[in-house]
């Protein structure tokens, strides 16, 4: 009988994407993107799309391998947000963007 893959929670923190096993909290994999404090994530069809310092990365959700990278030349180094054509995903993306904006504002106020 094949071993069941763990349910994973993906977090963006300290220039990394980290996959956490939801059953026991252990780290399954960690992938460094680039030197930035904020990483935004979108999960779809076994892939993670990560925004970091104005660049876009596509990462395999099971292994953490970077599949491709787009520097989004000419767009600056701002926060990358995600949207979707499906109402459920769009709502989740909007909620995540609002939470990220709140964290950025809180961090800025704390360091001022």
PDB file of N, CA and C in Angstrom:
ATOM      1  N   UNK A   1       0.837  -1.175   0.000  1.00  0.00           N
ATOM      2  CA  UNK A   1       0.000   0.000   0.000  1.00  0.00           C
ATOM      3  C   UNK A   1       0.889   1.248   0.000  1.00  0.00           C
ATOM      4  N   UNK A   2       0.678   2.193  -0.944  1.00  0.00           N
ATOM      5  CA  UNK A   2       1.538   3.379  -0.994  1.00  0.00           C
ATOM      6  C   UNK A   2       1.334   4.273   0.219  1.00  0.00           C
ATOM      7  N   UNK A   3       2.425   4.921   0.616  1.00  0.00           N
ATOM      8  CA  UNK A   3       2.371   5.834   1.748  1.00  0.00           C
ATOM      9  C   UNK A   3       1.569   7.079   1.363  1.00  0.00           C
ATOM     10  N   UNK A   4       0.666   7.493   2.235  1.00  0.00           N
ATOM     11  CA  UNK A   4      -0.163   8.680   2.004  1.00  0.00           C
ATOM     12  C   UNK A   4       0.676   9.937   2.171  1.00  0.00           C
ATOM     13  N   UNK A   5       0.540  10.858   1.226  1.00  0.00           N
ATOM     14  CA  UNK A   5       1.220  12.144   1.336  1.00  0.00           C
ATOM     15  C   UNK A   5       0.568  12.960   2.442  1.00  0.00           C
ATOM     16  N   UNK A   6       1.374  13.690   3.198  1.00  0.00           N
ATOM     17  CA  UNK A   6       0.788  14.515   4.267  1.00  0.00           C
ATOM     18  C   UNK A   6       0.036  15.717   3.687  1.00  0.00           C
ATOM     19  N   UNK A   7      -0.968  16.180   4.422  1.00  0.00           N
ATOM     20  CA  UNK A   7      -1.620  17.440   4.076  1.00  0.00           C
ATOM     21  C   UNK A   7      -0.644  18.546   4.437  1.00  0.00           C
ATOM     22  N   UNK A   8      -0.441  19.470   3.507  1.00  0.00           N
ATOM     23  CA  UNK A   8       0.558  20.509   3.717  1.00  0.00           C
ATOM     24  C   UNK A   8      -0.070  21.885   3.834  1.00  0.00           C
ATOM     25  N   UNK A   9       0.528  22.690   4.685  1.00  0.00           N
ATOM     26  CA  UNK A   9       0.220  24.104   4.811  1.00  0.00           C
ATOM     27  C   UNK A   9       1.431  24.842   4.273  1.00  0.00           C
ATOM     28  N   UNK A  10       1.200  25.808   3.389  1.00  0.00           N
ATOM     29  CA  UNK A  10       2.301  26.554   2.787  1.00  0.00           C
ATOM     30  C   UNK A  10       2.330  27.954   3.384  1.00  0.00           C
ATOM     31  N   UNK A  11       3.518  28.364   3.813  1.00  0.00           N
ATOM     32  CA  UNK A  11       3.677  29.710   4.356  1.00  0.00           C
ATOM     33  C   UNK A  11       4.813  30.417   3.624  1.00  0.00           C
ATOM     34  N   UNK A  12       4.680  31.720   3.493  1.00  0.00           N
ATOM     35  CA  UNK A  12       5.751  32.537   2.950  1.00  0.00           C
ATOM     36  C   UNK A  12       6.325  33.357   4.086  1.00  0.00           C
ATOM     37  N   UNK A  13       7.628  33.206   4.349  1.00  0.00           N
ATOM     38  CA  UNK A  13       8.248  33.915   5.467  1.00  0.00           C
ATOM     39  C   UNK A  13       9.750  34.066   5.210  1.00  0.00           C
ATOM     40  N   UNK A  14      10.259  35.260   5.498  1.00  0.00           N
ATOM     41  CA  UNK A  14      11.694  35.490   5.437  1.00  0.00           C
ATOM     42  C   UNK A  14      12.366  35.056   4.154  1.00  0.00           C
ATOM     43  N   UNK A  15      11.793  35.376   3.011  1.00  0.00           N
ATOM     44  CA  UNK A  15      12.303  35.063   1.671  1.00  0.00           C
ATOM     45  C   UNK A  15      12.171  33.587   1.286  1.00  0.00           C
ATOM     46  N   UNK A  16      11.410  32.817   2.038  1.00  0.00           N
ATOM     47  CA  UNK A  16      11.228  31.391   1.774  1.00  0.00           C
ATOM     48  C   UNK A  16       9.754  31.023   1.635  1.00  0.00           C
ATOM     49  N   UNK A  17       9.523  29.899   0.948  1.00  0.00           N
ATOM     50  CA  UNK A  17       8.249  29.186   1.051  1.00  0.00           C
ATOM     51  C   UNK A  17       8.561  27.959   1.889  1.00  0.00           C
ATOM     52  N   UNK A  18       7.712  27.675   2.875  1.00  0.00           N
ATOM     53  CA  UNK A  18       7.913  26.519   3.737  1.00  0.00           C
ATOM     54  C   UNK A  18       6.642  25.676   3.716  1.00  0.00           C
ATOM     55  N   UNK A  19       6.802  24.370   3.527  1.00  0.00           N
ATOM     56  CA  UNK A  19       5.680  23.430   3.572  1.00  0.00           C
ATOM     57  C   UNK A  19       5.698  22.759   4.944  1.00  0.00           C
ATOM     58  N   UNK A  20       4.558  22.852   5.640  1.00  0.00           N
ATOM     59  CA  UNK A  20       4.416  22.296   6.986  1.00  0.00           C
ATOM     60  C   UNK A  20       3.391  21.167   6.959  1.00  0.00           C
ATOM     61  N   UNK A  21       3.728  20.033   7.558  1.00  0.00           N
ATOM     62  CA  UNK A  21       2.800  18.919   7.695  1.00  0.00           C
ATOM     63  C   UNK A  21       1.740  19.326   8.711  1.00  0.00           C
ATOM     64  N   UNK A  22       0.458  19.366   8.285  1.00  0.00           N
ATOM     65  CA  UNK A  22      -0.600  19.829   9.182  1.00  0.00           C
ATOM     66  C   UNK A  22      -0.910  18.845  10.296  1.00  0.00           C
ATOM     67  N   UNK A  23      -0.524  17.592  10.155  1.00  0.00           N
ATOM     68  CA  UNK A  23      -0.807  16.601  11.188  1.00  0.00           C
ATOM     69  C   UNK A  23       0.084  16.757  12.415  1.00  0.00           C
ATOM     70  N   UNK A  24       1.352  17.119  12.178  1.00  0.00           N
ATOM     71  CA  UNK A  24       2.272  17.177  13.321  1.00  0.00           C
ATOM     72  C   UNK A  24       3.130  18.442  13.383  1.00  0.00           C
ATOM     73  N   UNK A  25       2.982  19.348  12.417  1.00  0.00           N
ATOM     74  CA  UNK A  25       3.703  20.611  12.447  1.00  0.00           C
ATOM     75  C   UNK A  25       5.147  20.553  11.983  1.00  0.00           C
ATOM     76  N   UNK A  26       5.579  19.397  11.480  1.00  0.00           N
ATOM     77  CA  UNK A  26       6.964  19.296  11.028  1.00  0.00           C
ATOM     78  C   UNK A  26       7.139  19.953   9.660  1.00  0.00           C
ATOM     79  N   UNK A  27       8.345  20.451   9.430  1.00  0.00           N
ATOM     80  CA  UNK A  27       8.677  21.055   8.142  1.00  0.00           C
ATOM     81  C   UNK A  27       8.969  19.937   7.139  1.00  0.00           C
ATOM     82  N   UNK A  28       8.306  20.005   5.975  1.00  0.00           N
ATOM     83  CA  UNK A  28       8.500  18.989   4.935  1.00  0.00           C
ATOM     84  C   UNK A  28       9.561  19.448   3.937  1.00  0.00           C
ATOM     85  N   UNK A  29       9.491  20.690   3.533  1.00  0.00           N
ATOM     86  CA  UNK A  29      10.521  21.276   2.659  1.00  0.00           C
ATOM     87  C   UNK A  29      10.536  22.783   2.825  1.00  0.00           C
ATOM     88  N   UNK A  30      11.646  23.388   2.349  1.00  0.00           N
ATOM     89  CA  UNK A  30      11.843  24.839   2.418  1.00  0.00           C
ATOM     90  C   UNK A  30      12.568  25.248   1.143  1.00  0.00           C
ATOM     91  N   UNK A  31      12.048  26.308   0.490  1.00  0.00           N
ATOM     92  CA  UNK A  31      12.669  26.806  -0.739  1.00  0.00           C
ATOM     93  C   UNK A  31      12.925  28.304  -0.604  1.00  0.00           C
ATOM     94  N   UNK A  32      14.172  28.715  -0.817  1.00  0.00           N
ATOM     95  CA  UNK A  32      14.527  30.133  -0.780  1.00  0.00           C
ATOM     96  C   UNK A  32      14.237  30.744  -2.149  1.00  0.00           C
ATOM     97  N   UNK A  33      13.540  31.894  -2.135  1.00  0.00           N
ATOM     98  CA  UNK A  33      13.223  32.573  -3.385  1.00  0.00           C
ATOM     99  C   UNK A  33      14.227  33.671  -3.676  1.00  0.00           C
ATOM    100  N   UNK A  34      14.278  34.673  -2.832  1.00  0.00           N
ATOM    101  CA  UNK A  34      15.244  35.766  -2.942  1.00  0.00           C
ATOM    102  C   UNK A  34      15.211  36.564  -1.654  1.00  0.00           C
ATOM    103  N   UNK A  35      16.073  37.537  -1.541  1.00  0.00           N
ATOM    104  CA  UNK A  35      16.187  38.295  -0.293  1.00  0.00           C
ATOM    105  C   UNK A  35      15.047  39.299  -0.167  1.00  0.00           C
ATOM    106  N   UNK A  36      13.999  38.911   0.502  1.00  0.00           N
ATOM    107  CA  UNK A  36      12.870  39.789   0.783  1.00  0.00           C
ATOM    108  C   UNK A  36      12.146  39.287   2.020  1.00  0.00           C
ATOM    109  N   UNK A  37      11.510  40.166   2.744  1.00  0.00           N
ATOM    110  CA  UNK A  37      10.800  39.770   3.960  1.00  0.00           C
ATOM    111  C   UNK A  37       9.401  39.249   3.665  1.00  0.00           C
ATOM    112  N   UNK A  38       8.804  39.655   2.532  1.00  0.00           N
ATOM    113  CA  UNK A  38       7.409  39.309   2.256  1.00  0.00           C
ATOM    114  C   UNK A  38       7.296  38.398   1.046  1.00  0.00           C
ATOM    115  N   UNK A  39       6.614  37.264   1.238  1.00  0.00           N
ATOM    116  CA  UNK A  39       6.345  36.319   0.156  1.00  0.00           C
ATOM    117  C   UNK A  39       4.843  36.094   0.139  1.00  0.00           C
ATOM    118  N   UNK A  40       4.208  36.359  -1.009  1.00  0.00           N
ATOM    119  CA  UNK A  40       2.776  36.083  -1.161  1.00  0.00           C
ATOM    120  C   UNK A  40       2.623  34.789  -1.937  1.00  0.00           C
ATOM    121  N   UNK A  41       1.537  34.049  -1.660  1.00  0.00           N
ATOM    122  CA  UNK A  41       1.348  32.725  -2.258  1.00  0.00           C
ATOM    123  C   UNK A  41      -0.038  32.552  -2.852  1.00  0.00           C
ATOM    124  N   UNK A  42      -0.091  31.739  -3.895  1.00  0.00           N
ATOM    125  CA  UNK A  42      -1.354  31.298  -4.497  1.00  0.00           C
ATOM    126  C   UNK A  42      -1.156  29.837  -4.863  1.00  0.00           C
ATOM    127  N   UNK A  43      -2.075  28.958  -4.472  1.00  0.00           N
ATOM    128  CA  UNK A  43      -1.976  27.519  -4.728  1.00  0.00           C
ATOM    129  C   UNK A  43      -3.024  27.108  -5.752  1.00  0.00           C
ATOM    130  N   UNK A  44      -2.602  26.390  -6.795  1.00  0.00           N
ATOM    131  CA  UNK A  44      -3.540  25.922  -7.815  1.00  0.00           C
ATOM    132  C   UNK A  44      -2.963  24.711  -8.532  1.00  0.00           C
ATOM    133  N   UNK A  45      -3.756  23.646  -8.606  1.00  0.00           N
ATOM    134  CA  UNK A  45      -3.405  22.452  -9.388  1.00  0.00           C
ATOM    135  C   UNK A  45      -2.005  21.911  -9.101  1.00  0.00           C
ATOM    136  N   UNK A  46      -1.660  21.785  -7.839  1.00  0.00           N
ATOM    137  CA  UNK A  46      -0.385  21.192  -7.469  1.00  0.00           C
ATOM    138  C   UNK A  46       0.814  22.112  -7.600  1.00  0.00           C
ATOM    139  N   UNK A  47       0.548  23.382  -7.868  1.00  0.00           N
ATOM    140  CA  UNK A  47       1.634  24.351  -7.986  1.00  0.00           C
ATOM    141  C   UNK A  47       1.394  25.526  -7.052  1.00  0.00           C
ATOM    142  N   UNK A  48       2.486  26.099  -6.577  1.00  0.00           N
ATOM    143  CA  UNK A  48       2.432  27.325  -5.794  1.00  0.00           C
ATOM    144  C   UNK A  48       2.982  28.436  -6.662  1.00  0.00           C
ATOM    145  N   UNK A  49       2.284  29.551  -6.671  1.00  0.00           N
ATOM    146  CA  UNK A  49       2.769  30.740  -7.356  1.00  0.00           C
ATOM    147  C   UNK A  49       3.126  31.717  -6.251  1.00  0.00           C
ATOM    148  N   UNK A  50       4.372  32.157  -6.248  1.00  0.00           N
ATOM    149  CA  UNK A  50       4.874  32.984  -5.160  1.00  0.00           C
ATOM    150  C   UNK A  50       5.369  34.311  -5.697  1.00  0.00           C
ATOM    151  N   UNK A  51       4.972  35.376  -5.018  1.00  0.00           N
ATOM    152  CA  UNK A  51       5.467  36.703  -5.338  1.00  0.00           C
ATOM    153  C   UNK A  51       6.479  37.125  -4.295  1.00  0.00           C
ATOM    154  N   UNK A  52       7.631  37.614  -4.759  1.00  0.00           N
ATOM    155  CA  UNK A  52       8.673  38.061  -3.836  1.00  0.00           C
ATOM    156  C   UNK A  52       9.443  39.203  -4.488  1.00  0.00           C
ATOM    157  N   UNK A  53       9.427  40.373  -3.856  1.00  0.00           N
ATOM    158  CA  UNK A  53      10.160  41.552  -4.326  1.00  0.00           C
ATOM    159  C   UNK A  53       9.861  41.872  -5.787  1.00  0.00           C
ATOM    160  N   UNK A  54       8.589  41.798  -6.163  1.00  0.00           N
ATOM    161  CA  UNK A  54       8.190  42.153  -7.512  1.00  0.00           C
ATOM    162  C   UNK A  54       8.476  41.097  -8.561  1.00  0.00           C
ATOM    163  N   UNK A  55       8.814  39.884  -8.150  1.00  0.00           N
ATOM    164  CA  UNK A  55       9.080  38.794  -9.091  1.00  0.00           C
ATOM    165  C   UNK A  55       8.122  37.638  -8.815  1.00  0.00           C
ATOM    166  N   UNK A  56       7.892  36.806  -9.841  1.00  0.00           N
ATOM    167  CA  UNK A  56       6.956  35.690  -9.752  1.00  0.00           C
ATOM    168  C   UNK A  56       7.696  34.367  -9.904  1.00  0.00           C
ATOM    169  N   UNK A  57       7.375  33.428  -9.020  1.00  0.00           N
ATOM    170  CA  UNK A  57       7.971  32.094  -9.042  1.00  0.00           C
ATOM    171  C   UNK A  57       6.867  31.051  -9.124  1.00  0.00           C
ATOM    172  N   UNK A  58       7.101  29.965  -9.864  1.00  0.00           N
ATOM    173  CA  UNK A  58       6.197  28.821  -9.883  1.00  0.00           C
ATOM    174  C   UNK A  58       6.950  27.665  -9.230  1.00  0.00           C
ATOM    175  N   UNK A  59       6.343  27.074  -8.197  1.00  0.00           N
ATOM    176  CA  UNK A  59       7.005  26.051  -7.384  1.00  0.00           C
ATOM    177  C   UNK A  59       6.124  24.809  -7.308  1.00  0.00           C
ATOM    178  N   UNK A  60       6.731  23.632  -7.430  1.00  0.00           N
ATOM    179  CA  UNK A  60       6.004  22.381  -7.257  1.00  0.00           C
ATOM    180  C   UNK A  60       5.573  22.261  -5.799  1.00  0.00           C
ATOM    181  N   UNK A  61       4.280  22.062  -5.549  1.00  0.00           N
ATOM    182  CA  UNK A  61       3.740  22.069  -4.189  1.00  0.00           C
ATOM    183  C   UNK A  61       4.184  20.866  -3.358  1.00  0.00           C
ATOM    184  N   UNK A  62       4.546  19.754  -3.978  1.00  0.00           N
ATOM    185  CA  UNK A  62       4.958  18.576  -3.216  1.00  0.00           C
ATOM    186  C   UNK A  62       6.445  18.559  -2.892  1.00  0.00           C
ATOM    187  N   UNK A  63       7.265  19.073  -3.823  1.00  0.00           N
ATOM    188  CA  UNK A  63       8.712  18.982  -3.624  1.00  0.00           C
ATOM    189  C   UNK A  63       9.390  20.292  -3.259  1.00  0.00           C
ATOM    190  N   UNK A  64       8.761  21.426  -3.603  1.00  0.00           N
ATOM    191  CA  UNK A  64       9.387  22.723  -3.371  1.00  0.00           C
ATOM    192  C   UNK A  64      10.330  23.152  -4.485  1.00  0.00           C
ATOM    193  N   UNK A  65      10.420  22.353  -5.544  1.00  0.00           N
ATOM    194  CA  UNK A  65      11.311  22.688  -6.664  1.00  0.00           C
ATOM    195  C   UNK A  65      10.760  23.888  -7.433  1.00  0.00           C
ATOM    196  N   UNK A  66      11.635  24.854  -7.739  1.00  0.00           N
ATOM    197  CA  UNK A  66      11.225  25.997  -8.557  1.00  0.00           C
ATOM    198  C   UNK A  66      11.123  25.525 -10.002  1.00  0.00           C
ATOM    199  N   UNK A  67       9.923  25.653 -10.574  1.00  0.00           N
ATOM    200  CA  UNK A  67       9.673  25.200 -11.947  1.00  0.00           C
ATOM    201  C   UNK A  67       9.992  26.286 -12.967  1.00  0.00           C
ATOM    202  N   UNK A  68       9.675  27.525 -12.619  1.00  0.00           N
ATOM    203  CA  UNK A  68      10.040  28.663 -13.456  1.00  0.00           C
ATOM    204  C   UNK A  68      10.019  29.937 -12.638  1.00  0.00           C
ATOM    205  N   UNK A  69      10.591  30.997 -13.231  1.00  0.00           N
ATOM    206  CA  UNK A  69      10.751  32.276 -12.541  1.00  0.00           C
ATOM    207  C   UNK A  69      10.613  33.386 -13.572  1.00  0.00           C
ATOM    208  N   UNK A  70       9.807  34.413 -13.262  1.00  0.00           N
ATOM    209  CA  UNK A  70       9.618  35.561 -14.141  1.00  0.00           C
ATOM    210  C   UNK A  70       9.972  36.814 -13.348  1.00  0.00           C
ATOM    211  N   UNK A  71      10.935  37.586 -13.829  1.00  0.00           N
ATOM    212  CA  UNK A  71      11.383  38.784 -13.101  1.00  0.00           C
ATOM    213  C   UNK A  71      10.405  39.948 -13.212  1.00  0.00           C
ATOM    214  N   UNK A  72       9.368  39.841 -14.044  1.00  0.00           N
ATOM    215  CA  UNK A  72       8.371  40.904 -14.226  1.00  0.00           C
ATOM    216  C   UNK A  72       9.064  42.254 -14.424  1.00  0.00           C
ATOM    217  N   UNK A  73      10.002  42.264 -15.362  1.00  0.00           N
ATOM    218  CA  UNK A  73      10.821  43.450 -15.633  1.00  0.00           C
ATOM    219  C   UNK A  73       9.972  44.693 -15.870  1.00  0.00           C
ATOM    220  N   UNK A  74      10.430  45.789 -15.306  1.00  0.00           N
ATOM    221  CA  UNK A  74       9.787  47.074 -15.494  1.00  0.00           C
ATOM    222  C   UNK A  74       8.628  47.364 -14.563  1.00  0.00           C
ATOM    223  N   UNK A  75       8.315  46.438 -13.646  1.00  0.00           N
ATOM    224  CA  UNK A  75       7.175  46.614 -12.746  1.00  0.00           C
ATOM    225  C   UNK A  75       7.570  46.973 -11.319  1.00  0.00           C
ATOM    226  N   UNK A  76       8.838  47.095 -11.044  1.00  0.00           N
ATOM    227  CA  UNK A  76       9.265  47.469  -9.699  1.00  0.00           C
ATOM    228  C   UNK A  76       9.412  46.274  -8.777  1.00  0.00           C
ATOM    229  N   UNK A  77       9.565  46.571  -7.499  1.00  0.00           N
ATOM    230  CA  UNK A  77       9.801  45.509  -6.510  1.00  0.00           C
ATOM    231  C   UNK A  77       8.704  45.449  -5.456  1.00  0.00           C
ATOM    232  N   UNK A  78       7.511  45.882  -5.819  1.00  0.00           N
ATOM    233  CA  UNK A  78       6.403  45.912  -4.863  1.00  0.00           C
ATOM    234  C   UNK A  78       5.832  44.549  -4.545  1.00  0.00           C
ATOM    235  N   UNK A  79       4.826  44.572  -3.696  1.00  0.00           N
ATOM    236  CA  UNK A  79       4.111  43.382  -3.268  1.00  0.00           C
ATOM    237  C   UNK A  79       3.329  42.797  -4.439  1.00  0.00           C
ATOM    238  N   UNK A  80       3.445  41.500  -4.667  1.00  0.00           N
ATOM    239  CA  UNK A  80       2.721  40.820  -5.737  1.00  0.00           C
ATOM    240  C   UNK A  80       1.439  40.243  -5.143  1.00  0.00           C
ATOM    241  N   UNK A  81       0.286  40.579  -5.742  1.00  0.00           N
ATOM    242  CA  UNK A  81      -0.984  40.006  -5.279  1.00  0.00           C
ATOM    243  C   UNK A  81      -1.528  39.110  -6.378  1.00  0.00           C
ATOM    244  N   UNK A  82      -2.452  38.220  -6.006  1.00  0.00           N
ATOM    245  CA  UNK A  82      -2.976  37.224  -6.933  1.00  0.00           C
ATOM    246  C   UNK A  82      -4.491  37.319  -7.027  1.00  0.00           C
ATOM    247  N   UNK A  83      -5.025  36.953  -8.176  1.00  0.00           N
ATOM    248  CA  UNK A  83      -6.460  36.874  -8.400  1.00  0.00           C
ATOM    249  C   UNK A  83      -6.773  35.604  -9.168  1.00  0.00           C
ATOM    250  N   UNK A  84      -8.058  35.311  -9.328  1.00  0.00           N
ATOM    251  CA  UNK A  84      -8.475  34.116 -10.041  1.00  0.00           C
ATOM    252  C   UNK A  84      -9.807  34.361 -10.714  1.00  0.00           C
ATOM    253  N   UNK A  85     -10.099  33.569 -11.721  1.00  0.00           N
ATOM    254  CA  UNK A  85     -11.376  33.688 -12.421  1.00  0.00           C
ATOM    255  C   UNK A  85     -12.519  33.038 -11.650  1.00  0.00           C
ATOM    256  N   UNK A  86     -12.218  32.144 -10.690  1.00  0.00           N
ATOM    257  CA  UNK A  86     -13.262  31.483  -9.920  1.00  0.00           C
ATOM    258  C   UNK A  86     -13.615  32.318  -8.700  1.00  0.00           C
ATOM    259  N   UNK A  87     -14.903  32.457  -8.373  1.00  0.00           N
ATOM    260  CA  UNK A  87     -15.302  33.290  -7.231  1.00  0.00           C
ATOM    261  C   UNK A  87     -14.672  32.857  -5.913  1.00  0.00           C
ATOM    262  N   UNK A  88     -14.573  31.535  -5.675  1.00  0.00           N
ATOM    263  CA  UNK A  88     -14.020  31.054  -4.410  1.00  0.00           C
ATOM    264  C   UNK A  88     -12.561  31.453  -4.270  1.00  0.00           C
ATOM    265  N   UNK A  89     -11.782  31.262  -5.327  1.00  0.00           N
ATOM    266  CA  UNK A  89     -10.365  31.585  -5.273  1.00  0.00           C
ATOM    267  C   UNK A  89     -10.162  33.092  -5.198  1.00  0.00           C
ATOM    268  N   UNK A  90     -10.985  33.856  -5.909  1.00  0.00           N
ATOM    269  CA  UNK A  90     -10.855  35.308  -5.867  1.00  0.00           C
ATOM    270  C   UNK A  90     -11.113  35.837  -4.464  1.00  0.00           C
ATOM    271  N   UNK A  91     -12.112  35.271  -3.793  1.00  0.00           N
ATOM    272  CA  UNK A  91     -12.420  35.684  -2.430  1.00  0.00           C
ATOM    273  C   UNK A  91     -11.271  35.351  -1.494  1.00  0.00           C
ATOM    274  N   UNK A  92     -10.704  34.150  -1.653  1.00  0.00           N
ATOM    275  CA  UNK A  92      -9.576  33.753  -0.810  1.00  0.00           C
ATOM    276  C   UNK A  92      -8.371  34.645  -1.075  1.00  0.00           C
ATOM    277  N   UNK A  93      -8.129  34.984  -2.345  1.00  0.00           N
ATOM    278  CA  UNK A  93      -7.005  35.860  -2.680  1.00  0.00           C
ATOM    279  C   UNK A  93      -7.209  37.249  -2.103  1.00  0.00           C
ATOM    280  N   UNK A  94      -8.425  37.747  -2.171  1.00  0.00           N
ATOM    281  CA  UNK A  94      -8.716  39.071  -1.617  1.00  0.00           C
ATOM    282  C   UNK A  94      -8.499  39.075  -0.113  1.00  0.00           C
ATOM    283  N   UNK A  95      -8.953  38.013   0.562  1.00  0.00           N
ATOM    284  CA  UNK A  95      -8.750  37.917   2.006  1.00  0.00           C
ATOM    285  C   UNK A  95      -7.262  37.849   2.350  1.00  0.00           C
ATOM    286  N   UNK A  96      -6.509  37.063   1.582  1.00  0.00           N
ATOM    287  CA  UNK A  96      -5.070  36.939   1.830  1.00  0.00           C
ATOM    288  C   UNK A  96      -4.371  38.263   1.586  1.00  0.00           C
ATOM    289  N   UNK A  97      -4.763  38.975   0.535  1.00  0.00           N
ATOM    290  CA  UNK A  97      -4.149  40.280   0.234  1.00  0.00           C
ATOM    291  C   UNK A  97      -4.440  41.275   1.350  1.00  0.00           C
ATOM    292  N   UNK A  98      -5.670  41.258   1.866  1.00  0.00           N
ATOM    293  CA  UNK A  98      -6.028  42.161   2.960  1.00  0.00           C
ATOM    294  C   UNK A  98      -5.223  41.840   4.212  1.00  0.00           C
ATOM    295  N   UNK A  99      -5.050  40.547   4.503  1.00  0.00           N
ATOM    296  CA  UNK A  99      -4.269  40.148   5.667  1.00  0.00           C
ATOM    297  C   UNK A  99      -2.806  40.552   5.501  1.00  0.00           C
ATOM    298  N   UNK A 100      -2.257  40.371   4.284  1.00  0.00           N
ATOM    299  CA  UNK A 100      -0.870  40.748   4.025  1.00  0.00           C
ATOM    300  C   UNK A 100      -0.691  42.249   4.195  1.00  0.00           C
ATOM    301  N   UNK A 101      -1.622  43.038   3.652  1.00  0.00           N
ATOM    302  CA  UNK A 101      -1.548  44.494   3.782  1.00  0.00           C
ATOM    303  C   UNK A 101      -1.604  44.910   5.248  1.00  0.00           C
ATOM    304  N   UNK A 102      -2.430  44.239   6.034  1.00  0.00           N
ATOM    305  CA  UNK A 102      -2.529  44.543   7.460  1.00  0.00           C
ATOM    306  C   UNK A 102      -1.221  44.214   8.178  1.00  0.00           C
ATOM    307  N   UNK A 103      -0.594  43.089   7.807  1.00  0.00           N
ATOM    308  CA  UNK A 103       0.686  42.716   8.429  1.00  0.00           C
ATOM    309  C   UNK A 103       1.768  43.719   8.063  1.00  0.00           C
ATOM    310  N   UNK A 104       1.797  44.156   6.801  1.00  0.00           N
ATOM    311  CA  UNK A 104       2.790  45.132   6.365  1.00  0.00           C
ATOM    312  C   UNK A 104       2.608  46.433   7.149  1.00  0.00           C
ATOM    313  N   UNK A 105       1.356  46.887   7.286  1.00  0.00           N
ATOM    314  CA  UNK A 105       1.069  48.127   8.009  1.00  0.00           C
ATOM    315  C   UNK A 105       1.465  47.996   9.473  1.00  0.00           C
ATOM    316  N   UNK A 106       1.161  46.844  10.080  1.00  0.00           N
ATOM    317  CA  UNK A 106       1.500  46.611  11.487  1.00  0.00           C
ATOM    318  C   UNK A 106       3.012  46.601  11.680  1.00  0.00           C
ATOM    319  N   UNK A 107       3.726  45.930  10.760  1.00  0.00           N
ATOM    320  CA  UNK A 107       5.184  45.876  10.845  1.00  0.00           C
ATOM    321  C   UNK A 107       5.785  47.261  10.674  1.00  0.00           C
ATOM    322  N   UNK A 108       5.267  48.034   9.715  1.00  0.00           N
ATOM    323  CA  UNK A 108       5.766  49.393   9.471  1.00  0.00           C
ATOM    324  C   UNK A 108       5.552  50.276  10.697  1.00  0.00           C
ATOM    325  N   UNK A 109       4.373  50.147  11.321  1.00  0.00           N
ATOM    326  CA  UNK A 109       4.064  50.970  12.504  1.00  0.00           C
ATOM    327  C   UNK A 109       4.964  50.564  13.682  1.00  0.00           C
ATOM    328  N   UNK A 110       5.256  49.276  13.797  1.00  0.00           N
ATOM    329  CA  UNK A 110       6.064  48.801  14.911  1.00  0.00           C
ATOM    330  C   UNK A 110       7.527  49.219  14.779  1.00  0.00           C
ATOM    331  N   UNK A 111       7.991  49.369  13.539  1.00  0.00           N
ATOM    332  CA  UNK A 111       9.381  49.724  13.339  1.00  0.00           C
ATOM    333  C   UNK A 111       9.606  51.223  13.215  1.00  0.00           C
ATOM    334  N   UNK A 112       8.496  51.982  13.181  1.00  0.00           N
ATOM    335  CA  UNK A 112       8.617  53.453  13.034  1.00  0.00           C
ATOM    336  C   UNK A 112       8.995  54.115  14.337  1.00  0.00           C
TER     337      UNK A 112
END
